[in-house]
């Protein structure tokens, strides 16, 4: 999986962003659970998912600020 790009996130609509946020949070939960039970095989996915979640939340915040400022 390639490093997430914020330009790709900006192409999504609001409902897709919310779905992606939920899916990413679920995946991070699953990864933490696997780490706790010592079954985690791909620790690099933590960083990738944290970056992806940060991008999603940043774009969501930008859109919320732009709608309230208008």
Protein backbone atom coordinates (compact mmCIF):
# COMPACT_ATOMS: atom_id res chain seq x y z
CA UNK A 1 0.00 0.00 0.00
CA UNK A 2 1.44 3.33 -1.05
CA UNK A 3 1.69 6.29 1.25
CA UNK A 4 -1.66 8.11 1.35
CA UNK A 5 -1.86 11.39 -0.55
CA UNK A 6 -4.01 14.29 0.63
CA UNK A 7 -4.83 15.20 -2.97
CA UNK A 8 -6.70 11.90 -3.29
CA UNK A 9 -8.65 12.66 -0.12
CA UNK A 10 -9.68 16.09 -1.42
CA UNK A 11 -11.34 14.40 -4.41
CA UNK A 12 -13.79 12.53 -2.14
CA UNK A 13 -17.20 13.90 -1.24
CA UNK A 14 -18.27 14.49 2.36
CA UNK A 15 -20.07 11.18 2.85
CA UNK A 16 -17.11 9.22 1.46
CA UNK A 17 -14.77 11.05 3.83
CA UNK A 18 -16.94 10.13 6.81
CA UNK A 19 -17.05 6.49 5.68
CA UNK A 20 -13.26 6.45 5.26
CA UNK A 21 -12.77 7.98 8.73
CA UNK A 22 -14.94 5.27 10.29
CA UNK A 23 -13.18 2.50 8.36
CA UNK A 24 -9.73 3.82 9.26
CA UNK A 25 -10.62 4.08 12.95
CA UNK A 26 -11.95 0.51 12.90
CA UNK A 27 -8.75 -0.70 11.24
CA UNK A 28 -6.60 1.10 13.82
CA UNK A 29 -8.62 -0.58 16.56
CA UNK A 30 -8.08 -3.96 14.93
CA UNK A 31 -4.35 -3.30 14.63
CA UNK A 32 -4.11 -2.32 18.31
CA UNK A 33 -6.00 -5.48 19.25
CA UNK A 34 -3.64 -7.60 17.14
CA UNK A 35 -0.66 -5.92 18.75
CA UNK A 36 -2.02 -6.61 22.22
CA UNK A 37 -2.50 -10.29 21.40
CA UNK A 38 0.91 -10.43 19.68
CA UNK A 39 -0.55 -11.36 16.28
CA UNK A 40 0.42 -8.18 14.44
CA UNK A 41 2.34 -9.01 11.27
CA UNK A 42 2.39 -5.60 9.58
CA UNK A 43 3.33 -2.87 12.07
CA UNK A 44 3.92 -0.34 9.28
CA UNK A 45 0.16 -0.15 8.77
CA UNK A 46 -0.12 1.84 12.04
CA UNK A 47 1.76 4.76 10.54
CA UNK A 48 -0.03 4.55 7.21
CA UNK A 49 -3.45 4.55 8.86
CA UNK A 50 -2.58 7.37 11.25
CA UNK A 51 -1.43 9.51 8.31
CA UNK A 52 -4.56 8.60 6.34
CA UNK A 53 -6.78 9.47 9.31
CA UNK A 54 -4.99 12.80 9.78
CA UNK A 55 -5.51 13.67 6.11
CA UNK A 56 -9.19 12.74 6.27
CA UNK A 57 -9.79 14.76 9.42
CA UNK A 58 -7.87 17.75 8.03
CA UNK A 59 -9.94 17.84 4.85
CA UNK A 60 -13.15 17.39 6.84
CA UNK A 61 -12.17 20.30 9.08
CA UNK A 62 -11.25 22.48 6.10
CA UNK A 63 -14.64 21.88 4.55
CA UNK A 64 -16.47 22.58 7.81
CA UNK A 65 -14.58 25.84 8.29
CA UNK A 66 -15.23 26.90 4.71
CA UNK A 67 -18.97 26.27 5.01
CA UNK A 68 -19.29 28.16 8.31
CA UNK A 69 -17.20 31.09 7.00
CA UNK A 70 -19.38 31.51 3.91
